[in-house]
Amino acid sequence: SVNQQNHRSEVERAPVKEIQLIVHIAVAPLNLDLMVVQLGIVLGDQ
């Protein structure tokens, strides 16, 4: 019965990982834009 509980918790956790991956991919372009802006500020200061 312990194996069933462990398996069930793994199945419940899987969608969370998928959602995190989707969010990470969706936010990646924003992070890239922020990096470019920060680089522009750093280069602009120099």
PDB file of N, CA and C in Angstrom:
ATOM      1  N   SER A   1       0.850  -1.204   0.000  1.00  0.00           N
ATOM      2  CA  SER A   1       0.000   0.000   0.000  1.00  0.00           C
ATOM      3  C   SER A   1       0.880   1.247   0.000  1.00  0.00           C
ATOM      4  N   VAL A   2       2.078   1.130   0.573  1.00  0.00           N
ATOM      5  CA  VAL A   2       2.996   2.266   0.593  1.00  0.00           C
ATOM      6  C   VAL A   2       3.407   2.613  -0.828  1.00  0.00           C
ATOM      7  N   ASN A   3       3.640   1.581  -1.649  1.00  0.00           N
ATOM      8  CA  ASN A   3       4.014   1.828  -3.035  1.00  0.00           C
ATOM      9  C   ASN A   3       2.899   2.562  -3.774  1.00  0.00           C
ATOM     10  N   GLN A   4       1.655   2.209  -3.488  1.00  0.00           N
ATOM     11  CA  GLN A   4       0.536   2.883  -4.137  1.00  0.00           C
ATOM     12  C   GLN A   4       0.512   4.361  -3.752  1.00  0.00           C
ATOM     13  N   GLN A   5       0.763   4.660  -2.490  1.00  0.00           N
ATOM     14  CA  GLN A   5       0.765   6.054  -2.048  1.00  0.00           C
ATOM     15  C   GLN A   5       1.883   6.827  -2.728  1.00  0.00           C
ATOM     16  N   ASN A   6       3.071   6.244  -2.795  1.00  0.00           N
ATOM     17  CA  ASN A   6       4.199   6.917  -3.438  1.00  0.00           C
ATOM     18  C   ASN A   6       3.901   7.161  -4.902  1.00  0.00           C
ATOM     19  N   HIS A   7       3.349   6.151  -5.562  1.00  0.00           N
ATOM     20  CA  HIS A   7       3.040   6.297  -6.985  1.00  0.00           C
ATOM     21  C   HIS A   7       2.005   7.404  -7.188  1.00  0.00           C
ATOM     22  N   ARG A   8       1.009   7.440  -6.319  1.00  0.00           N
ATOM     23  CA  ARG A   8      -0.044   8.444  -6.458  1.00  0.00           C
ATOM     24  C   ARG A   8       0.540   9.849  -6.279  1.00  0.00           C
ATOM     25  N   SER A   9       1.429  10.018  -5.319  1.00  0.00           N
ATOM     26  CA  SER A   9       2.007  11.344  -5.090  1.00  0.00           C
ATOM     27  C   SER A   9       2.866  11.753  -6.282  1.00  0.00           C
ATOM     28  N   GLU A  10       3.560  10.803  -6.912  1.00  0.00           N
ATOM     29  CA  GLU A  10       4.360  11.118  -8.093  1.00  0.00           C
ATOM     30  C   GLU A  10       3.458  11.589  -9.224  1.00  0.00           C
ATOM     31  N   VAL A  11       2.335  10.915  -9.399  1.00  0.00           N
ATOM     32  CA  VAL A  11       1.402  11.280 -10.469  1.00  0.00           C
ATOM     33  C   VAL A  11       0.840  12.676 -10.208  1.00  0.00           C
ATOM     34  N   GLU A  12       0.588  12.987  -8.930  1.00  0.00           N
ATOM     35  CA  GLU A  12       0.034  14.307  -8.607  1.00  0.00           C
ATOM     36  C   GLU A  12       1.084  15.401  -8.812  1.00  0.00           C
ATOM     37  N   ARG A  13       2.357  15.051  -8.632  1.00  0.00           N
ATOM     38  CA  ARG A  13       3.408  16.045  -8.748  1.00  0.00           C
ATOM     39  C   ARG A  13       3.759  16.335 -10.216  1.00  0.00           C
ATOM     40  N   ALA A  14       3.533  15.379 -11.092  1.00  0.00           N
ATOM     41  CA  ALA A  14       3.950  15.524 -12.490  1.00  0.00           C
ATOM     42  C   ALA A  14       3.374  16.769 -13.154  1.00  0.00           C
ATOM     43  N   PRO A  15       2.057  17.022 -13.058  1.00  0.00           N
ATOM     44  CA  PRO A  15       1.508  18.222 -13.724  1.00  0.00           C
ATOM     45  C   PRO A  15       2.149  19.504 -13.217  1.00  0.00           C
ATOM     46  N   VAL A  16       2.527  19.549 -11.945  1.00  0.00           N
ATOM     47  CA  VAL A  16       3.156  20.747 -11.403  1.00  0.00           C
ATOM     48  C   VAL A  16       4.463  21.009 -12.130  1.00  0.00           C
ATOM     49  N   LYS A  17       5.241  19.953 -12.373  1.00  0.00           N
ATOM     50  CA  LYS A  17       6.507  20.110 -13.090  1.00  0.00           C
ATOM     51  C   LYS A  17       6.243  20.621 -14.501  1.00  0.00           C
ATOM     52  N   GLU A  18       5.196  20.086 -15.143  1.00  0.00           N
ATOM     53  CA  GLU A  18       4.870  20.529 -16.504  1.00  0.00           C
ATOM     54  C   GLU A  18       4.491  22.008 -16.491  1.00  0.00           C
ATOM     55  N   ILE A  19       3.693  22.411 -15.514  1.00  0.00           N
ATOM     56  CA  ILE A  19       3.268  23.816 -15.419  1.00  0.00           C
ATOM     57  C   ILE A  19       4.485  24.703 -15.180  1.00  0.00           C
ATOM     58  N   GLN A  20       5.384  24.271 -14.284  1.00  0.00           N
ATOM     59  CA  GLN A  20       6.588  25.059 -14.018  1.00  0.00           C
ATOM     60  C   GLN A  20       7.411  25.205 -15.284  1.00  0.00           C
ATOM     61  N   LEU A  21       7.521  24.124 -16.073  1.00  0.00           N
ATOM     62  CA  LEU A  21       8.293  24.171 -17.308  1.00  0.00           C
ATOM     63  C   LEU A  21       7.653  25.133 -18.291  1.00  0.00           C
ATOM     64  N   ILE A  22       6.322  25.065 -18.412  1.00  0.00           N
ATOM     65  CA  ILE A  22       5.611  25.965 -19.331  1.00  0.00           C
ATOM     66  C   ILE A  22       5.808  27.410 -18.902  1.00  0.00           C
ATOM     67  N   VAL A  23       5.683  27.676 -17.606  1.00  0.00           N
ATOM     68  CA  VAL A  23       5.863  29.042 -17.102  1.00  0.00           C
ATOM     69  C   VAL A  23       7.284  29.505 -17.366  1.00  0.00           C
ATOM     70  N   HIS A  24       8.251  28.612 -17.136  1.00  0.00           N
ATOM     71  CA  HIS A  24       9.657  28.963 -17.348  1.00  0.00           C
ATOM     72  C   HIS A  24       9.886  29.342 -18.806  1.00  0.00           C
ATOM     73  N   ILE A  25       9.318  28.549 -19.728  1.00  0.00           N
ATOM     74  CA  ILE A  25       9.474  28.835 -21.159  1.00  0.00           C
ATOM     75  C   ILE A  25       8.775  30.142 -21.513  1.00  0.00           C
ATOM     76  N   ALA A  26       7.619  30.370 -20.917  1.00  0.00           N
ATOM     77  CA  ALA A  26       6.852  31.581 -21.228  1.00  0.00           C
ATOM     78  C   ALA A  26       7.566  32.825 -20.720  1.00  0.00           C
ATOM     79  N   VAL A  27       8.255  32.701 -19.582  1.00  0.00           N
ATOM     80  CA  VAL A  27       8.907  33.859 -18.966  1.00  0.00           C
ATOM     81  C   VAL A  27      10.307  34.084 -19.541  1.00  0.00           C
ATOM     82  N   ALA A  28      10.876  33.065 -20.185  1.00  0.00           N
ATOM     83  CA  ALA A  28      12.250  33.160 -20.698  1.00  0.00           C
ATOM     84  C   ALA A  28      12.465  34.395 -21.570  1.00  0.00           C
ATOM     85  N   PRO A  29      11.589  34.696 -22.535  1.00  0.00           N
ATOM     86  CA  PRO A  29      11.809  35.904 -23.353  1.00  0.00           C
ATOM     87  C   PRO A  29      11.828  37.176 -22.517  1.00  0.00           C
ATOM     88  N   LEU A  30      11.015  37.233 -21.471  1.00  0.00           N
ATOM     89  CA  LEU A  30      11.009  38.414 -20.609  1.00  0.00           C
ATOM     90  C   LEU A  30      12.346  38.539 -19.895  1.00  0.00           C
ATOM     91  N   ASN A  31      12.855  37.403 -19.388  1.00  0.00           N
ATOM     92  CA  ASN A  31      14.155  37.433 -18.718  1.00  0.00           C
ATOM     93  C   ASN A  31      15.240  37.865 -19.700  1.00  0.00           C
ATOM     94  N   LEU A  32      15.145  37.405 -20.937  1.00  0.00           N
ATOM     95  CA  LEU A  32      16.133  37.774 -21.948  1.00  0.00           C
ATOM     96  C   LEU A  32      16.083  39.273 -22.202  1.00  0.00           C
ATOM     97  N   ASP A  33      14.870  39.816 -22.304  1.00  0.00           N
ATOM     98  CA  ASP A  33      14.719  41.263 -22.509  1.00  0.00           C
ATOM     99  C   ASP A  33      15.331  42.027 -21.340  1.00  0.00           C
ATOM    100  N   LEU A  34      15.099  41.558 -20.121  1.00  0.00           N
ATOM    101  CA  LEU A  34      15.654  42.241 -18.942  1.00  0.00           C
ATOM    102  C   LEU A  34      17.174  42.185 -18.973  1.00  0.00           C
ATOM    103  N   MET A  35      17.733  41.039 -19.387  1.00  0.00           N
ATOM    104  CA  MET A  35      19.188  40.920 -19.470  1.00  0.00           C
ATOM    105  C   MET A  35      19.738  41.918 -20.483  1.00  0.00           C
ATOM    106  N   VAL A  36      19.065  42.036 -21.633  1.00  0.00           N
ATOM    107  CA  VAL A  36      19.515  42.974 -22.667  1.00  0.00           C
ATOM    108  C   VAL A  36      19.447  44.399 -22.133  1.00  0.00           C
ATOM    109  N   VAL A  37      18.371  44.728 -21.432  1.00  0.00           N
ATOM    110  CA  VAL A  37      18.219  46.075 -20.868  1.00  0.00           C
ATOM    111  C   VAL A  37      19.327  46.345 -19.853  1.00  0.00           C
ATOM    112  N   GLN A  38      19.603  45.361 -18.987  1.00  0.00           N
ATOM    113  CA  GLN A  38      20.651  45.536 -17.976  1.00  0.00           C
ATOM    114  C   GLN A  38      22.005  45.709 -18.650  1.00  0.00           C
ATOM    115  N   LEU A  39      22.266  44.916 -19.700  1.00  0.00           N
ATOM    116  CA  LEU A  39      23.532  45.053 -20.423  1.00  0.00           C
ATOM    117  C   LEU A  39      23.615  46.441 -21.043  1.00  0.00           C
ATOM    118  N   GLY A  40      22.509  46.914 -21.601  1.00  0.00           N
ATOM    119  CA  GLY A  40      22.498  48.242 -22.203  1.00  0.00           C
ATOM    120  C   GLY A  40      22.795  49.311 -21.170  1.00  0.00           C
ATOM    121  N   ILE A  41      22.251  49.156 -19.962  1.00  0.00           N
ATOM    122  CA  ILE A  41      22.503  50.137 -18.892  1.00  0.00           C
ATOM    123  C   ILE A  41      23.978  50.091 -18.498  1.00  0.00           C
ATOM    124  N   VAL A  42      24.509  48.870 -18.344  1.00  0.00           N
ATOM    125  CA  VAL A  42      25.922  48.726 -17.946  1.00  0.00           C
ATOM    126  C   VAL A  42      26.822  49.322 -19.022  1.00  0.00           C
ATOM    127  N   LEU A  43      26.563  48.987 -20.278  1.00  0.00           N
ATOM    128  CA  LEU A  43      27.384  49.510 -21.370  1.00  0.00           C
ATOM    129  C   LEU A  43      27.208  51.021 -21.479  1.00  0.00           C
ATOM    130  N   GLY A  44      25.975  51.495 -21.204  1.00  0.00           N
ATOM    131  CA  GLY A  44      25.725  52.927 -21.280  1.00  0.00           C
ATOM    132  C   GLY A  44      26.491  53.688 -20.212  1.00  0.00           C
ATOM    133  N   ASP A  45      26.612  53.080 -19.002  1.00  0.00           N
ATOM    134  CA  ASP A  45      27.351  53.742 -17.923  1.00  0.00           C
ATOM    135  C   ASP A  45      28.829  53.847 -18.268  1.00  0.00           C
ATOM    136  N   GLN A  46      29.334  52.818 -18.961  1.00  0.00           N
ATOM    137  CA  GLN A  46      30.753  52.861 -19.327  1.00  0.00           C
ATOM    138  C   GLN A  46      30.923  53.819 -20.502  1.00  0.00           C
TER     139      GLN A  46
END
